[in-house]
Amino acid sequence: MNESFKKDEIRERVLKIFNIFNGLKKLLSERYRCTENLIEIHDPPHIIRILKSEELIIFYQLDEEIAVLGRNEIKIKKGFEDYVRKWLIALTSFEFKRYIIKK
């Protein structure tokens, strides 16, 4: 898979997350911190912050940013590409929604 395809796929999934933000917030609000413009997912030692008003998704490992994803920005620290990609796929997949609802 070439690099531009990866970036296009990531950008597409990031935009989809912002389009379904309110639905994700409903699904995740019992398990994670959710406010009007924020979903904060804890996956120790990682934290994922989806910031609707800034249209950014920021991944942290402990206190260090490992990825910043937005409409015009895709920065992923080397070695974390798979982790970020798997979360983006999970957050935009129908199976994820069914899994959360069942729990």
C-alpha atoms as a PDB file:
ATOM      1  CA  MET A   1       0.000   0.000   0.000  1.00  0.00           C
ATOM      2  CA  ASN A   2       1.479   3.357  -0.961  1.00  0.00           C
ATOM      3  CA  GLU A   3       1.841   6.309   1.417  1.00  0.00           C
ATOM      4  CA  SER A   4      -0.665   8.594  -0.336  1.00  0.00           C
ATOM      5  CA  PHE A   5      -3.351   5.905  -0.161  1.00  0.00           C
ATOM      6  CA  LYS A   6      -2.741   5.562   3.560  1.00  0.00           C
ATOM      7  CA  LYS A   7      -3.074   9.323   4.067  1.00  0.00           C
ATOM      8  CA  ASP A   8      -6.218   9.485   1.936  1.00  0.00           C
ATOM      9  CA  GLU A   9      -7.748   6.602   3.873  1.00  0.00           C
ATOM     10  CA  ILE A  10      -6.822   8.191   7.198  1.00  0.00           C
ATOM     11  CA  ARG A  11      -8.223  11.577   6.154  1.00  0.00           C
ATOM     12  CA  GLU A  12     -11.451   9.915   4.985  1.00  0.00           C
ATOM     13  CA  ARG A  13     -11.890   8.116   8.310  1.00  0.00           C
ATOM     14  CA  VAL A  14     -11.086  11.259  10.318  1.00  0.00           C
ATOM     15  CA  LEU A  15     -13.748  13.203   8.426  1.00  0.00           C
ATOM     16  CA  LYS A  16     -16.227  10.375   8.932  1.00  0.00           C
ATOM     17  CA  ILE A  17     -15.591  10.474  12.693  1.00  0.00           C
ATOM     18  CA  PHE A  18     -16.507  14.165  12.746  1.00  0.00           C
ATOM     19  CA  ASN A  19     -19.620  13.462  10.679  1.00  0.00           C
ATOM     20  CA  ILE A  20     -20.803  10.815  13.160  1.00  0.00           C
ATOM     21  CA  PHE A  21     -19.479  12.612  16.266  1.00  0.00           C
ATOM     22  CA  ASN A  22     -22.860  12.921  18.011  1.00  0.00           C
ATOM     23  CA  GLY A  23     -23.660   9.245  17.455  1.00  0.00           C
ATOM     24  CA  LEU A  24     -20.244   8.204  18.758  1.00  0.00           C
ATOM     25  CA  LYS A  25     -20.736  10.440  21.770  1.00  0.00           C
ATOM     26  CA  LYS A  26     -24.036   8.699  22.585  1.00  0.00           C
ATOM     27  CA  LEU A  27     -22.458   5.264  22.205  1.00  0.00           C
ATOM     28  CA  LEU A  28     -19.394   6.090  24.278  1.00  0.00           C
ATOM     29  CA  SER A  29     -20.787   8.409  26.957  1.00  0.00           C
ATOM     30  CA  GLU A  30     -21.302   5.678  29.560  1.00  0.00           C
ATOM     31  CA  ARG A  31     -17.723   4.416  29.331  1.00  0.00           C
ATOM     32  CA  TYR A  32     -15.659   7.488  28.471  1.00  0.00           C
ATOM     33  CA  ARG A  33     -15.563  11.209  29.131  1.00  0.00           C
ATOM     34  CA  CYS A  34     -17.799  13.024  26.663  1.00  0.00           C
ATOM     35  CA  THR A  35     -18.762  16.690  26.509  1.00  0.00           C
ATOM     36  CA  GLU A  36     -20.406  18.788  23.805  1.00  0.00           C
ATOM     37  CA  ASN A  37     -17.193  19.030  21.760  1.00  0.00           C
ATOM     38  CA  LEU A  38     -14.975  16.277  23.215  1.00  0.00           C
ATOM     39  CA  ILE A  39     -14.791  12.518  23.346  1.00  0.00           C
ATOM     40  CA  GLU A  40     -11.892  11.242  25.457  1.00  0.00           C
ATOM     41  CA  ILE A  41     -11.150   7.528  25.178  1.00  0.00           C
ATOM     42  CA  HIS A  42      -8.826   5.872  27.670  1.00  0.00           C
ATOM     43  CA  ASP A  43      -6.940   2.858  26.335  1.00  0.00           C
ATOM     44  CA  PRO A  44      -4.045   2.651  28.821  1.00  0.00           C
ATOM     45  CA  PRO A  45      -1.360   3.779  28.387  1.00  0.00           C
ATOM     46  CA  HIS A  46      -3.018   5.761  25.573  1.00  0.00           C
ATOM     47  CA  ILE A  47      -5.615   8.527  25.497  1.00  0.00           C
ATOM     48  CA  ILE A  48      -7.502   9.501  22.364  1.00  0.00           C
ATOM     49  CA  ARG A  49      -9.119  12.933  22.287  1.00  0.00           C
ATOM     50  CA  ILE A  50     -11.626  13.717  19.568  1.00  0.00           C
ATOM     51  CA  LEU A  51     -12.058  17.483  19.508  1.00  0.00           C
ATOM     52  CA  LYS A  52     -15.070  18.380  17.391  1.00  0.00           C
ATOM     53  CA  SER A  53     -14.749  22.162  17.477  1.00  0.00           C
ATOM     54  CA  GLU A  54     -11.088  22.037  16.368  1.00  0.00           C
ATOM     55  CA  GLU A  55     -11.726  19.082  14.041  1.00  0.00           C
ATOM     56  CA  LEU A  56      -8.727  17.259  15.502  1.00  0.00           C
ATOM     57  CA  ILE A  57      -8.109  13.784  16.836  1.00  0.00           C
ATOM     58  CA  ILE A  58      -5.080  13.622  19.101  1.00  0.00           C
ATOM     59  CA  PHE A  59      -3.537  10.379  20.334  1.00  0.00           C
ATOM     60  CA  TYR A  60      -1.339  10.418  23.432  1.00  0.00           C
ATOM     61  CA  GLN A  61       0.904   7.848  25.040  1.00  0.00           C
ATOM     62  CA  LEU A  62       1.209   8.942  28.624  1.00  0.00           C
ATOM     63  CA  ASP A  63       1.732  12.719  28.161  1.00  0.00           C
ATOM     64  CA  GLU A  64       3.352  12.576  24.721  1.00  0.00           C
ATOM     65  CA  GLU A  65       1.444  13.277  21.496  1.00  0.00           C
ATOM     66  CA  ILE A  66       1.860  10.333  19.154  1.00  0.00           C
ATOM     67  CA  ALA A  67      -0.583  11.456  16.458  1.00  0.00           C
ATOM     68  CA  VAL A  68      -2.461  14.573  15.415  1.00  0.00           C
ATOM     69  CA  LEU A  69      -5.111  14.050  12.763  1.00  0.00           C
ATOM     70  CA  GLY A  70      -7.330  16.644  11.140  1.00  0.00           C
ATOM     71  CA  ARG A  71      -8.820  17.837   7.888  1.00  0.00           C
ATOM     72  CA  ASN A  72      -5.509  19.375   6.780  1.00  0.00           C
ATOM     73  CA  GLU A  73      -3.052  17.645   9.077  1.00  0.00           C
ATOM     74  CA  ILE A  74      -1.920  14.053   9.470  1.00  0.00           C
ATOM     75  CA  LYS A  75       1.061  13.504  11.728  1.00  0.00           C
ATOM     76  CA  ILE A  76       1.728  10.080  13.216  1.00  0.00           C
ATOM     77  CA  LYS A  77       4.862   9.282  15.168  1.00  0.00           C
ATOM     78  CA  LYS A  78       6.836   6.401  13.702  1.00  0.00           C
ATOM     79  CA  GLY A  79       5.881   3.076  15.232  1.00  0.00           C
ATOM     80  CA  PHE A  80       2.289   4.094  16.047  1.00  0.00           C
ATOM     81  CA  GLU A  81       0.777   3.924  12.552  1.00  0.00           C
ATOM     82  CA  ASP A  82      -0.924   0.559  13.117  1.00  0.00           C
ATOM     83  CA  TYR A  83      -2.345   1.566  16.493  1.00  0.00           C
ATOM     84  CA  VAL A  84      -3.836   4.776  15.090  1.00  0.00           C
ATOM     85  CA  ARG A  85      -5.167   3.066  11.988  1.00  0.00           C
ATOM     86  CA  LYS A  86      -6.874   0.304  14.000  1.00  0.00           C
ATOM     87  CA  TRP A  87      -8.644   2.869  16.197  1.00  0.00           C
ATOM     88  CA  LEU A  88      -9.793   4.850  13.160  1.00  0.00           C
ATOM     89  CA  ILE A  89     -11.179   1.682  11.597  1.00  0.00           C
ATOM     90  CA  ALA A  90     -12.882   0.695  14.852  1.00  0.00           C
ATOM     91  CA  LEU A  91     -14.499   4.101  15.363  1.00  0.00           C
ATOM     92  CA  THR A  92     -15.885   4.167  11.826  1.00  0.00           C
ATOM     93  CA  SER A  93     -17.062   0.581  11.524  1.00  0.00           C
ATOM     94  CA  PHE A  94     -20.549  -0.808  11.993  1.00  0.00           C
ATOM     95  CA  GLU A  95     -19.183  -3.703  14.068  1.00  0.00           C
ATOM     96  CA  PHE A  96     -17.818  -1.240  16.638  1.00  0.00           C
ATOM     97  CA  LYS A  97     -21.266   0.286  17.115  1.00  0.00           C
ATOM     98  CA  ARG A  98     -22.848  -3.140  17.596  1.00  0.00           C
ATOM     99  CA  TYR A  99     -20.124  -4.111  20.092  1.00  0.00           C
ATOM    100  CA  ILE A 100     -20.660  -0.991  22.199  1.00  0.00           C
ATOM    101  CA  ILE A 101     -24.443  -1.374  22.181  1.00  0.00           C
ATOM    102  CA  LYS A 102     -24.221  -5.015  23.334  1.00  0.00           C
ATOM    103  CA  LYS A 103     -22.008  -4.142  26.301  1.00  0.00           C
END
